Amino acid sequence: SVFPGVLPLCHWPLAWGRATRQPCGPLQPLGLPLAPCRAFSNNKILVELDESSGVATMKFKSPPVNSLNLDFLTEFCISLEKLENDRACRGVIFTSAVPKIFSSGLDITEMCGKSTEHYAEFWRAVQEMWLRLYSSNMVTIAAINGSSPAGGCLVALSCDYRIMVENPKFSIGLNEAQLGIVAPFWFKDTFVNTVGHRVAERSLQLGSLHPAPEAHRFGLVDELVPEEKLQEKAAAVMAQWLALPDHARQLTKSMMRKAVSDRLVAHREEDVQNFISFISKESIQKSLRMYMEMLKKKKS
């Protein structure tokens, strides 16, 4: 495994991967102390678990743009595994602690000018992140409080429900084509299953980033809310999902998602080799270098 202390190929069948989650009991009556809120923090991710509700919040705190580099992906998987194995946790809300950005997606510096061994390690980490999140037993809600291109969009797409701040300056989409690279088949499958084939086909070919209102219009996000209402709304939606019996929801999720995740599991090493072959091409490296130069000029 690329993750210390994490079992390799953690693609757990949803209904049988762990004991079925049960509610953590009723909320405490007024006047009595609430069940503790446990927190654990890594360098790039802050996790808080409210044991009274069974809901954890995972905040991305890797400025400037929460890019998905190897360290971030490793911490993400370890944090998710801890919550997955915690009987007190039934759901996770993902959000950002960095203003105006949910996640900028895969870190381009991990894909430019590195060795084939590094590319393989990085891509396995991306696969692991998606397999764990997409196949999680827990209810997963993305509270998108900023722009979310490329891999950031994939994180949101992999959740059960997406709520985005209703700010037209914030956008979301799989814009890989703009960088001269191609979204792999499992990015594409996740996108198609959310928005439908035609919207996905056009959006992927153009590398479109969709402003929040447009993303809501064709179902890329489920709801738009004012920024100050985002966490409140996420908690309310989470309560609605957690009101159902866990086993029924988990089996249904497995039934809906298993074919897509199984496809990557069956072709995982082939997908790594395809990525290495593609990203190592000089034309692709040139495109990435040009994109990085463009970003530097924007900053200056």
Foldseek 3Di string as FASTA:
>chain_A
DLAPPDDPPPQAQLQPRDPFADALDAFDDPPDDGDDWDWDDDPFWIWIARLNGLEIEIEGRDPDASADFLVSLNVLLVVLVVSLPDSSHAAYEYAYPHAAHGHAYHDLVQLAPDDLVSLLSGVSSLLSSLSCLLLGLHQYEYLYRHAAEARSLSSRLSHPAYEYAQDQVHWYAHLVVQLVDADDPLSLVSVCVFQNDPVSVVCRNRSDTGGPVRCCVRGSHVYYDHPVCRVVVVVVVSVVVSVDRSSVVSVVSSVVCVVSSVVCVVCVVVVSVVSSVVSVDPVSNVSSVVVVVVVVVVVD
